Amino acid sequence: MNVIAYLIPISLLLGGIGLAAFVFTVKSRQYEDPEGDAQRILSGEYDDAPKA
């Protein structure tokens, strides 16, 4: 029973960290254009690729 007293706060803390990380990624606009990113990867045209 004592283990639950440790596991509940730890799980809430980890959940809060995960939620904070998700909110940070949304606010930093990392999910703006997923379709465009997918098309650029598949097309093979990279703007910032090093020239050989």
PDB file of N, CA and C in Angstrom:
ATOM      1  N   MET A   1       0.819  -1.187   0.000  1.00  0.00           N
ATOM      2  CA  MET A   1       0.000   0.000   0.000  1.00  0.00           C
ATOM      3  C   MET A   1       0.870   1.262   0.000  1.00  0.00           C
ATOM      4  N   ASN A   2       2.034   1.197   0.593  1.00  0.00           N
ATOM      5  CA  ASN A   2       2.936   2.345   0.608  1.00  0.00           C
ATOM      6  C   ASN A   2       3.472   2.672  -0.786  1.00  0.00           C
ATOM      7  N   VAL A   3       3.535   1.654  -1.628  1.00  0.00           N
ATOM      8  CA  VAL A   3       4.040   1.867  -2.980  1.00  0.00           C
ATOM      9  C   VAL A   3       3.119   2.807  -3.750  1.00  0.00           C
ATOM     10  N   ILE A   4       1.825   2.709  -3.546  1.00  0.00           N
ATOM     11  CA  ILE A   4       0.862   3.568  -4.243  1.00  0.00           C
ATOM     12  C   ILE A   4       1.090   5.031  -3.872  1.00  0.00           C
ATOM     13  N   ALA A   5       1.497   5.281  -2.647  1.00  0.00           N
ATOM     14  CA  ALA A   5       1.763   6.650  -2.211  1.00  0.00           C
ATOM     15  C   ALA A   5       2.931   7.257  -2.980  1.00  0.00           C
ATOM     16  N   TYR A   6       3.830   6.433  -3.487  1.00  0.00           N
ATOM     17  CA  TYR A   6       4.936   6.920  -4.312  1.00  0.00           C
ATOM     18  C   TYR A   6       4.563   6.962  -5.789  1.00  0.00           C
ATOM     19  N   LEU A   7       3.827   5.958  -6.256  1.00  0.00           N
ATOM     20  CA  LEU A   7       3.550   5.845  -7.689  1.00  0.00           C
ATOM     21  C   LEU A   7       2.574   6.899  -8.196  1.00  0.00           C
ATOM     22  N   ILE A   8       1.596   7.261  -7.419  1.00  0.00           N
ATOM     23  CA  ILE A   8       0.606   8.250  -7.881  1.00  0.00           C
ATOM     24  C   ILE A   8       1.262   9.616  -8.108  1.00  0.00           C
ATOM     25  N   PRO A   9       2.029  10.165  -7.185  1.00  0.00           N
ATOM     26  CA  PRO A   9       2.672  11.455  -7.469  1.00  0.00           C
ATOM     27  C   PRO A   9       3.686  11.385  -8.617  1.00  0.00           C
ATOM     28  N   ILE A  10       4.406  10.268  -8.709  1.00  0.00           N
ATOM     29  CA  ILE A  10       5.365  10.118  -9.800  1.00  0.00           C
ATOM     30  C   ILE A  10       4.643  10.094 -11.143  1.00  0.00           C
ATOM     31  N   SER A  11       3.541   9.372 -11.237  1.00  0.00           N
ATOM     32  CA  SER A  11       2.805   9.307 -12.500  1.00  0.00           C
ATOM     33  C   SER A  11       2.183  10.657 -12.843  1.00  0.00           C
ATOM     34  N   LEU A  12       1.708  11.392 -11.849  1.00  0.00           N
ATOM     35  CA  LEU A  12       1.173  12.735 -12.114  1.00  0.00           C
ATOM     36  C   LEU A  12       2.276  13.682 -12.585  1.00  0.00           C
ATOM     37  N   LEU A  13       3.441  13.572 -11.985  1.00  0.00           N
ATOM     38  CA  LEU A  13       4.569  14.399 -12.400  1.00  0.00           C
ATOM     39  C   LEU A  13       4.977  14.082 -13.842  1.00  0.00           C
ATOM     40  N   LEU A  14       5.088  12.814 -14.188  1.00  0.00           N
ATOM     41  CA  LEU A  14       5.462  12.436 -15.550  1.00  0.00           C
ATOM     42  C   LEU A  14       4.398  12.848 -16.559  1.00  0.00           C
ATOM     43  N   GLY A  15       3.146  12.716 -16.192  1.00  0.00           N
ATOM     44  CA  GLY A  15       2.071  13.171 -17.064  1.00  0.00           C
ATOM     45  C   GLY A  15       2.111  14.669 -17.275  1.00  0.00           C
ATOM     46  N   GLY A  16       2.403  15.419 -16.226  1.00  0.00           N
ATOM     47  CA  GLY A  16       2.527  16.867 -16.335  1.00  0.00           C
ATOM     48  C   GLY A  16       3.698  17.277 -17.216  1.00  0.00           C
ATOM     49  N   ILE A  17       4.801  16.558 -17.107  1.00  0.00           N
ATOM     50  CA  ILE A  17       5.956  16.842 -17.964  1.00  0.00           C
ATOM     51  C   ILE A  17       5.614  16.574 -19.424  1.00  0.00           C
ATOM     52  N   GLY A  18       4.928  15.471 -19.674  1.00  0.00           N
ATOM     53  CA  GLY A  18       4.512  15.160 -21.042  1.00  0.00           C
ATOM     54  C   GLY A  18       3.558  16.198 -21.597  1.00  0.00           C
ATOM     55  N   LEU A  19       2.622  16.639 -20.788  1.00  0.00           N
ATOM     56  CA  LEU A  19       1.679  17.673 -21.218  1.00  0.00           C
ATOM     57  C   LEU A  19       2.401  18.989 -21.488  1.00  0.00           C
ATOM     58  N   ALA A  20       3.332  19.351 -20.632  1.00  0.00           N
ATOM     59  CA  ALA A  20       4.095  20.579 -20.842  1.00  0.00           C
ATOM     60  C   ALA A  20       4.922  20.505 -22.123  1.00  0.00           C
ATOM     61  N   ALA A  21       5.508  19.336 -22.402  1.00  0.00           N
ATOM     62  CA  ALA A  21       6.284  19.173 -23.636  1.00  0.00           C
ATOM     63  C   ALA A  21       5.382  19.299 -24.856  1.00  0.00           C
ATOM     64  N   PHE A  22       4.184  18.740 -24.802  1.00  0.00           N
ATOM     65  CA  PHE A  22       3.250  18.839 -25.914  1.00  0.00           C
ATOM     66  C   PHE A  22       2.815  20.281 -26.131  1.00  0.00           C
ATOM     67  N   VAL A  23       2.499  20.995 -25.056  1.00  0.00           N
ATOM     68  CA  VAL A  23       2.096  22.397 -25.181  1.00  0.00           C
ATOM     69  C   VAL A  23       3.238  23.219 -25.757  1.00  0.00           C
ATOM     70  N   PHE A  24       4.470  22.937 -25.353  1.00  0.00           N
ATOM     71  CA  PHE A  24       5.626  23.649 -25.889  1.00  0.00           C
ATOM     72  C   PHE A  24       5.753  23.426 -27.390  1.00  0.00           C
ATOM     73  N   THR A  25       5.582  22.184 -27.857  1.00  0.00           N
ATOM     74  CA  THR A  25       5.710  21.918 -29.289  1.00  0.00           C
ATOM     75  C   THR A  25       4.589  22.569 -30.077  1.00  0.00           C
ATOM     76  N   VAL A  26       3.391  22.643 -29.518  1.00  0.00           N
ATOM     77  CA  VAL A  26       2.287  23.306 -30.210  1.00  0.00           C
ATOM     78  C   VAL A  26       2.560  24.810 -30.293  1.00  0.00           C
ATOM     79  N   LYS A  27       3.037  25.404 -29.210  1.00  0.00           N
ATOM     80  CA  LYS A  27       3.306  26.848 -29.207  1.00  0.00           C
ATOM     81  C   LYS A  27       4.484  27.214 -30.085  1.00  0.00           C
ATOM     82  N   SER A  28       5.428  26.299 -30.290  1.00  0.00           N
ATOM     83  CA  SER A  28       6.566  26.586 -31.157  1.00  0.00           C
ATOM     84  C   SER A  28       6.261  26.240 -32.615  1.00  0.00           C
ATOM     85  N   ARG A  29       5.001  25.961 -32.903  1.00  0.00           N
ATOM     86  CA  ARG A  29       4.465  25.776 -34.258  1.00  0.00           C
ATOM     87  C   ARG A  29       5.128  24.623 -35.016  1.00  0.00           C
ATOM     88  N   GLN A  30       5.393  23.511 -34.332  1.00  0.00           N
ATOM     89  CA  GLN A  30       6.011  22.372 -34.993  1.00  0.00           C
ATOM     90  C   GLN A  30       5.002  21.539 -35.772  1.00  0.00           C
ATOM     91  N   TYR A  31       3.706  21.791 -35.590  1.00  0.00           N
ATOM     92  CA  TYR A  31       2.687  21.000 -36.268  1.00  0.00           C
ATOM     93  C   TYR A  31       1.955  21.827 -37.318  1.00  0.00           C
ATOM     94  N   GLU A  32       2.582  22.859 -37.859  1.00  0.00           N
ATOM     95  CA  GLU A  32       1.896  23.776 -38.759  1.00  0.00           C
ATOM     96  C   GLU A  32       1.524  23.141 -40.094  1.00  0.00           C
ATOM     97  N   ASP A  33       2.449  22.459 -40.756  1.00  0.00           N
ATOM     98  CA  ASP A  33       2.201  21.965 -42.106  1.00  0.00           C
ATOM     99  C   ASP A  33       2.707  20.528 -42.266  1.00  0.00           C
ATOM    100  N   PRO A  34       2.067  19.556 -41.628  1.00  0.00           N
ATOM    101  CA  PRO A  34       2.568  18.181 -41.741  1.00  0.00           C
ATOM    102  C   PRO A  34       2.437  17.608 -43.148  1.00  0.00           C
ATOM    103  N   GLU A  35       1.417  18.004 -43.901  1.00  0.00           N
ATOM    104  CA  GLU A  35       1.269  17.505 -45.267  1.00  0.00           C
ATOM    105  C   GLU A  35       2.376  18.041 -46.168  1.00  0.00           C
ATOM    106  N   GLY A  36       2.703  19.305 -46.015  1.00  0.00           N
ATOM    107  CA  GLY A  36       3.782  19.883 -46.814  1.00  0.00           C
ATOM    108  C   GLY A  36       5.118  19.240 -46.512  1.00  0.00           C
ATOM    109  N   ASP A  37       5.384  18.974 -45.238  1.00  0.00           N
ATOM    110  CA  ASP A  37       6.627  18.312 -44.870  1.00  0.00           C
ATOM    111  C   ASP A  37       6.695  16.912 -45.464  1.00  0.00           C
ATOM    112  N   ALA A  38       5.598  16.199 -45.432  1.00  0.00           N
ATOM    113  CA  ALA A  38       5.571  14.846 -45.986  1.00  0.00           C
ATOM    114  C   ALA A  38       5.811  14.883 -47.490  1.00  0.00           C
ATOM    115  N   GLN A  39       5.239  15.844 -48.181  1.00  0.00           N
ATOM    116  CA  GLN A  39       5.433  15.938 -49.626  1.00  0.00           C
ATOM    117  C   GLN A  39       6.875  16.306 -49.969  1.00  0.00           C
ATOM    118  N   ARG A  40       7.493  17.183 -49.193  1.00  0.00           N
ATOM    119  CA  ARG A  40       8.885  17.554 -49.456  1.00  0.00           C
ATOM    120  C   ARG A  40       9.817  16.374 -49.240  1.00  0.00           C
ATOM    121  N   ILE A  41       9.543  15.546 -48.242  1.00  0.00           N
ATOM    122  CA  ILE A  41      10.395  14.385 -47.991  1.00  0.00           C
ATOM    123  C   ILE A  41      10.272  13.394 -49.143  1.00  0.00           C
ATOM    124  N   LEU A  42       9.055  13.165 -49.616  1.00  0.00           N
ATOM    125  CA  LEU A  42       8.838  12.184 -50.675  1.00  0.00           C
ATOM    126  C   LEU A  42       9.297  12.675 -52.036  1.00  0.00           C
ATOM    127  N   SER A  43       9.292  13.970 -52.262  1.00  0.00           N
ATOM    128  CA  SER A  43       9.647  14.483 -53.583  1.00  0.00           C
ATOM    129  C   SER A  43      11.153  14.445 -53.830  1.00  0.00           C
ATOM    130  N   GLY A  44      11.960  14.430 -52.781  1.00  0.00           N
ATOM    131  CA  GLY A  44      13.395  14.372 -52.956  1.00  0.00           C
ATOM    132  C   GLY A  44      14.021  15.728 -53.203  1.00  0.00           C
ATOM    133  N   GLU A  45      13.258  16.796 -53.183  1.00  0.00           N
ATOM    134  CA  GLU A  45      13.785  18.135 -53.382  1.00  0.00           C
ATOM    135  C   GLU A  45      14.047  18.765 -52.011  1.00  0.00           C
ATOM    136  N   TYR A  46      15.306  18.865 -51.660  1.00  0.00           N
ATOM    137  CA  TYR A  46      15.674  19.440 -50.377  1.00  0.00           C
ATOM    138  C   TYR A  46      16.294  20.806 -50.625  1.00  0.00           C
ATOM    139  N   ASP A  47      15.764  21.817 -49.972  1.00  0.00           N
ATOM    140  CA  ASP A  47      16.296  23.167 -50.152  1.00  0.00           C
ATOM    141  C   ASP A  47      17.642  23.349 -49.463  1.00  0.00           C
ATOM    142  N   ASP A  48      17.815  22.737 -48.311  1.00  0.00           N
ATOM    143  CA  ASP A  48      19.028  22.962 -47.541  1.00  0.00           C
ATOM    144  C   ASP A  48      20.005  21.789 -47.612  1.00  0.00           C
ATOM    145  N   ALA A  49      19.872  20.941 -48.622  1.00  0.00           N
ATOM    146  CA  ALA A  49      20.770  19.803 -48.766  1.00  0.00           C
ATOM    147  C   ALA A  49      22.138  20.307 -49.247  1.00  0.00           C
ATOM    148  N   PRO A  50      23.219  19.756 -48.736  1.00  0.00           N
ATOM    149  CA  PRO A  50      24.547  20.188 -49.199  1.00  0.00           C
ATOM    150  C   PRO A  50      24.775  19.764 -50.644  1.00  0.00           C
ATOM    151  N   LYS A  51      25.391  20.635 -51.388  1.00  0.00           N
ATOM    152  CA  LYS A  51      25.700  20.360 -52.787  1.00  0.00           C
ATOM    153  C   LYS A  51      26.981  19.531 -52.863  1.00  0.00           C
ATOM    154  N   ALA A  52      26.958  18.461 -53.623  1.00  0.00           N
ATOM    155  CA  ALA A  52      28.123  17.587 -53.731  1.00  0.00           C
ATOM    156  C   ALA A  52      28.989  17.966 -54.905  1.00  0.00           C
TER     157      ALA A  52
END
